[in-house]
């Protein structure tokens, strides 16, 4: 499995800890960098000389919500090619469709169990993120 540099943006510290624990449990070689809100992610992306391989983004956050951040990223020439997966408690199909339209590569509804979350992330991290999204209809939606 390719070692990935993963950015995860979520204002919930417990979710950040669980996310990091699961990713490291799958493969300690993955690097996880955390941001607590959307504005912080945008700042880090614009300042950072090393881009992430994959961005996971919550929807419900202060300052800028996940949809605002996704739109800002996809409207920016330098950030638009970064793969983004929405990771949210919302299973509202209108949100899912809107995120797809904005250019998200996938949408995962946060599962309630560690085991389910680990299985989902194992599948997602096995994807070829350097080529994912280059073809139409590569968007995925996972919900439990």
C-alpha atoms as a PDB file:
ATOM      1  CA  UNK A   1       0.000   0.000   0.000  1.00  0.00           C
ATOM      2  CA  UNK A   2       1.302   3.447  -0.926  1.00  0.00           C
ATOM      3  CA  UNK A   3       2.061   5.682   2.047  1.00  0.00           C
ATOM      4  CA  UNK A   4      -0.246   8.691   1.953  1.00  0.00           C
ATOM      5  CA  UNK A   5      -0.089  12.210   3.361  1.00  0.00           C
ATOM      6  CA  UNK A   6      -3.669  12.736   4.541  1.00  0.00           C
ATOM      7  CA  UNK A   7      -5.248  15.991   5.689  1.00  0.00           C
ATOM      8  CA  UNK A   8      -8.337  15.639   7.883  1.00  0.00           C
ATOM      9  CA  UNK A   9     -10.410  18.698   8.712  1.00  0.00           C
ATOM     10  CA  UNK A  10     -12.978  18.373  11.481  1.00  0.00           C
ATOM     11  CA  UNK A  11     -13.813  20.582  14.466  1.00  0.00           C
ATOM     12  CA  UNK A  12     -14.562  17.564  16.705  1.00  0.00           C
ATOM     13  CA  UNK A  13     -11.410  16.495  18.572  1.00  0.00           C
ATOM     14  CA  UNK A  14     -12.833  13.050  19.366  1.00  0.00           C
ATOM     15  CA  UNK A  15     -13.464  12.440  15.660  1.00  0.00           C
ATOM     16  CA  UNK A  16      -9.928  13.621  14.878  1.00  0.00           C
ATOM     17  CA  UNK A  17      -8.454  11.181  17.415  1.00  0.00           C
ATOM     18  CA  UNK A  18     -10.570   8.273  16.170  1.00  0.00           C
ATOM     19  CA  UNK A  19      -9.741   9.043  12.528  1.00  0.00           C
ATOM     20  CA  UNK A  20      -6.008   9.193  13.266  1.00  0.00           C
ATOM     21  CA  UNK A  21      -6.116   6.002  15.325  1.00  0.00           C
ATOM     22  CA  UNK A  22      -7.875   4.083  12.550  1.00  0.00           C
ATOM     23  CA  UNK A  23      -5.576   5.337   9.788  1.00  0.00           C
ATOM     24  CA  UNK A  24      -2.465   4.493  11.846  1.00  0.00           C
ATOM     25  CA  UNK A  25      -4.012   1.128  12.760  1.00  0.00           C
ATOM     26  CA  UNK A  26      -4.331   0.343   9.045  1.00  0.00           C
ATOM     27  CA  UNK A  27      -0.791   1.484   8.212  1.00  0.00           C
ATOM     28  CA  UNK A  28       1.570   3.394  10.503  1.00  0.00           C
ATOM     29  CA  UNK A  29       3.321   4.776   7.416  1.00  0.00           C
ATOM     30  CA  UNK A  30       0.436   7.090   6.562  1.00  0.00           C
ATOM     31  CA  UNK A  31       0.935  10.671   7.715  1.00  0.00           C
ATOM     32  CA  UNK A  32      -2.162  12.397   9.128  1.00  0.00           C
ATOM     33  CA  UNK A  33      -2.268  16.173   9.481  1.00  0.00           C
ATOM     34  CA  UNK A  34      -5.267  17.655  11.286  1.00  0.00           C
ATOM     35  CA  UNK A  35      -7.081  20.958  10.846  1.00  0.00           C
ATOM     36  CA  UNK A  36      -9.915  22.062  13.128  1.00  0.00           C
ATOM     37  CA  UNK A  37     -11.906  24.134  10.638  1.00  0.00           C
ATOM     38  CA  UNK A  38     -12.171  24.895   6.942  1.00  0.00           C
ATOM     39  CA  UNK A  39     -10.399  28.255   7.013  1.00  0.00           C
ATOM     40  CA  UNK A  40      -7.409  26.568   8.655  1.00  0.00           C
ATOM     41  CA  UNK A  41      -7.330  23.930   5.911  1.00  0.00           C
ATOM     42  CA  UNK A  42      -7.356  26.562   3.166  1.00  0.00           C
ATOM     43  CA  UNK A  43      -4.549  28.481   4.919  1.00  0.00           C
ATOM     44  CA  UNK A  44      -2.451  25.332   5.332  1.00  0.00           C
ATOM     45  CA  UNK A  45      -3.004  24.283   1.715  1.00  0.00           C
ATOM     46  CA  UNK A  46      -2.006  27.693   0.381  1.00  0.00           C
ATOM     47  CA  UNK A  47       1.073  27.944   2.643  1.00  0.00           C
ATOM     48  CA  UNK A  48       2.208  24.337   2.392  1.00  0.00           C
ATOM     49  CA  UNK A  49       4.880  23.476  -0.139  1.00  0.00           C
ATOM     50  CA  UNK A  50       4.002  19.773   0.111  1.00  0.00           C
ATOM     51  CA  UNK A  51       0.458  18.948  -0.934  1.00  0.00           C
ATOM     52  CA  UNK A  52      -1.586  16.170   0.630  1.00  0.00           C
ATOM     53  CA  UNK A  53      -2.311  13.023  -1.331  1.00  0.00           C
ATOM     54  CA  UNK A  54      -5.860  13.019   0.005  1.00  0.00           C
ATOM     55  CA  UNK A  55      -8.138  15.406   1.929  1.00  0.00           C
ATOM     56  CA  UNK A  56     -10.963  14.258   4.200  1.00  0.00           C
ATOM     57  CA  UNK A  57     -13.390  17.036   5.009  1.00  0.00           C
ATOM     58  CA  UNK A  58     -16.258  17.280   7.502  1.00  0.00           C
ATOM     59  CA  UNK A  59     -19.278  19.360   6.476  1.00  0.00           C
ATOM     60  CA  UNK A  60     -20.440  20.896   9.755  1.00  0.00           C
ATOM     61  CA  UNK A  61     -17.667  23.193  10.967  1.00  0.00           C
ATOM     62  CA  UNK A  62     -17.312  26.787  12.162  1.00  0.00           C
ATOM     63  CA  UNK A  63     -15.756  29.605  10.090  1.00  0.00           C
ATOM     64  CA  UNK A  64     -16.236  27.819   6.749  1.00  0.00           C
ATOM     65  CA  UNK A  65     -18.330  24.702   6.382  1.00  0.00           C
ATOM     66  CA  UNK A  66     -17.138  21.761   4.314  1.00  0.00           C
ATOM     67  CA  UNK A  67     -19.149  22.716   1.229  1.00  0.00           C
ATOM     68  CA  UNK A  68     -17.715  26.242   1.231  1.00  0.00           C
ATOM     69  CA  UNK A  69     -14.202  24.831   1.564  1.00  0.00           C
ATOM     70  CA  UNK A  70     -14.794  22.261  -1.181  1.00  0.00           C
ATOM     71  CA  UNK A  71     -16.071  24.971  -3.536  1.00  0.00           C
ATOM     72  CA  UNK A  72     -13.108  27.219  -2.714  1.00  0.00           C
ATOM     73  CA  UNK A  73     -10.671  24.360  -3.349  1.00  0.00           C
ATOM     74  CA  UNK A  74     -12.242  23.348  -6.664  1.00  0.00           C
ATOM     75  CA  UNK A  75     -12.349  26.997  -7.845  1.00  0.00           C
ATOM     76  CA  UNK A  76      -8.611  27.399  -7.166  1.00  0.00           C
ATOM     77  CA  UNK A  77      -6.281  26.257  -9.970  1.00  0.00           C
ATOM     78  CA  UNK A  78      -3.612  25.115  -7.498  1.00  0.00           C
ATOM     79  CA  UNK A  79      -5.995  23.178  -5.229  1.00  0.00           C
ATOM     80  CA  UNK A  80      -8.606  21.894  -7.656  1.00  0.00           C
ATOM     81  CA  UNK A  81      -6.794  18.664  -8.493  1.00  0.00           C
ATOM     82  CA  UNK A  82      -6.458  17.531  -4.865  1.00  0.00           C
ATOM     83  CA  UNK A  83      -8.702  14.542  -4.160  1.00  0.00           C
ATOM     84  CA  UNK A  84     -11.346  15.341  -1.539  1.00  0.00           C
ATOM     85  CA  UNK A  85     -13.564  12.902   0.333  1.00  0.00           C
ATOM     86  CA  UNK A  86     -16.388  14.263   2.462  1.00  0.00           C
ATOM     87  CA  UNK A  87     -16.564  12.490   5.833  1.00  0.00           C
ATOM     88  CA  UNK A  88     -19.725  13.594   7.616  1.00  0.00           C
ATOM     89  CA  UNK A  89     -22.548  12.463   9.871  1.00  0.00           C
ATOM     90  CA  UNK A  90     -25.003  13.885   7.326  1.00  0.00           C
ATOM     91  CA  UNK A  91     -26.617  11.318   5.055  1.00  0.00           C
ATOM     92  CA  UNK A  92     -28.780  13.950   3.351  1.00  0.00           C
ATOM     93  CA  UNK A  93     -28.818  12.975  -0.329  1.00  0.00           C
ATOM     94  CA  UNK A  94     -29.050  16.628  -1.401  1.00  0.00           C
ATOM     95  CA  UNK A  95     -25.736  17.259   0.424  1.00  0.00           C
ATOM     96  CA  UNK A  96     -24.197  14.205  -1.233  1.00  0.00           C
ATOM     97  CA  UNK A  97     -25.310  15.322  -4.699  1.00  0.00           C
ATOM     98  CA  UNK A  98     -24.171  18.907  -4.128  1.00  0.00           C
ATOM     99  CA  UNK A  99     -20.723  17.750  -2.975  1.00  0.00           C
ATOM    100  CA  UNK A 100     -20.489  15.565  -6.079  1.00  0.00           C
ATOM    101  CA  UNK A 101     -21.412  18.554  -8.269  1.00  0.00           C
ATOM    102  CA  UNK A 102     -18.779  20.685  -6.521  1.00  0.00           C
ATOM    103  CA  UNK A 103     -16.118  18.113  -7.378  1.00  0.00           C
ATOM    104  CA  UNK A 104     -15.738  15.860  -4.346  1.00  0.00           C
ATOM    105  CA  UNK A 105     -14.286  12.456  -5.185  1.00  0.00           C
ATOM    106  CA  UNK A 106     -16.368  10.653  -2.597  1.00  0.00           C
ATOM    107  CA  UNK A 107     -18.709  10.967   0.348  1.00  0.00           C
ATOM    108  CA  UNK A 108     -18.614   8.778   3.457  1.00  0.00           C
ATOM    109  CA  UNK A 109     -21.286   8.914   6.156  1.00  0.00           C
ATOM    110  CA  UNK A 110     -19.494   8.476   9.462  1.00  0.00           C
ATOM    111  CA  UNK A 111     -20.233   4.984  10.756  1.00  0.00           C
ATOM    112  CA  UNK A 112     -20.916   4.478  14.460  1.00  0.00           C
ATOM    113  CA  UNK A 113     -18.547   1.566  15.059  1.00  0.00           C
ATOM    114  CA  UNK A 114     -14.765   1.396  14.992  1.00  0.00           C
ATOM    115  CA  UNK A 115     -14.923  -1.875  13.032  1.00  0.00           C
ATOM    116  CA  UNK A 116     -17.142  -0.451  10.290  1.00  0.00           C
ATOM    117  CA  UNK A 117     -15.026   2.691  10.058  1.00  0.00           C
ATOM    118  CA  UNK A 118     -11.829   0.651   9.753  1.00  0.00           C
ATOM    119  CA  UNK A 119     -13.305  -1.505   6.959  1.00  0.00           C
ATOM    120  CA  UNK A 120     -14.397   1.584   5.044  1.00  0.00           C
ATOM    121  CA  UNK A 121     -11.008   3.265   5.365  1.00  0.00           C
ATOM    122  CA  UNK A 122      -9.170   0.110   4.342  1.00  0.00           C
ATOM    123  CA  UNK A 123     -11.098   0.172   1.041  1.00  0.00           C
ATOM    124  CA  UNK A 124     -10.718   3.920   0.531  1.00  0.00           C
ATOM    125  CA  UNK A 125      -6.981   3.951   1.249  1.00  0.00           C
ATOM    126  CA  UNK A 126      -6.409   1.127  -1.249  1.00  0.00           C
ATOM    127  CA  UNK A 127      -7.695   3.325  -4.089  1.00  0.00           C
ATOM    128  CA  UNK A 128      -5.188   4.838  -6.472  1.00  0.00           C
ATOM    129  CA  UNK A 129      -5.525   8.463  -5.376  1.00  0.00           C
ATOM    130  CA  UNK A 130      -3.023   9.703  -7.924  1.00  0.00           C
ATOM    131  CA  UNK A 131      -5.448   8.753 -10.709  1.00  0.00           C
ATOM    132  CA  UNK A 132      -8.848   8.708  -9.004  1.00  0.00           C
ATOM    133  CA  UNK A 133     -11.330  11.231 -10.344  1.00  0.00           C
ATOM    134  CA  UNK A 134      -9.672  11.676 -13.717  1.00  0.00           C
ATOM    135  CA  UNK A 135     -12.626   9.926 -15.367  1.00  0.00           C
ATOM    136  CA  UNK A 136     -16.270  10.881 -15.050  1.00  0.00           C
ATOM    137  CA  UNK A 137     -18.454   8.947 -12.604  1.00  0.00           C
ATOM    138  CA  UNK A 138     -15.664   7.925 -10.245  1.00  0.00           C
ATOM    139  CA  UNK A 139     -17.518   9.482  -7.313  1.00  0.00           C
ATOM    140  CA  UNK A 140     -18.365   7.038  -4.522  1.00  0.00           C
ATOM    141  CA  UNK A 141     -20.922   7.228  -1.706  1.00  0.00           C
ATOM    142  CA  UNK A 142     -20.568   5.005   1.353  1.00  0.00           C
ATOM    143  CA  UNK A 143     -23.171   4.887   4.103  1.00  0.00           C
ATOM    144  CA  UNK A 144     -24.064   2.358   6.770  1.00  0.00           C
END
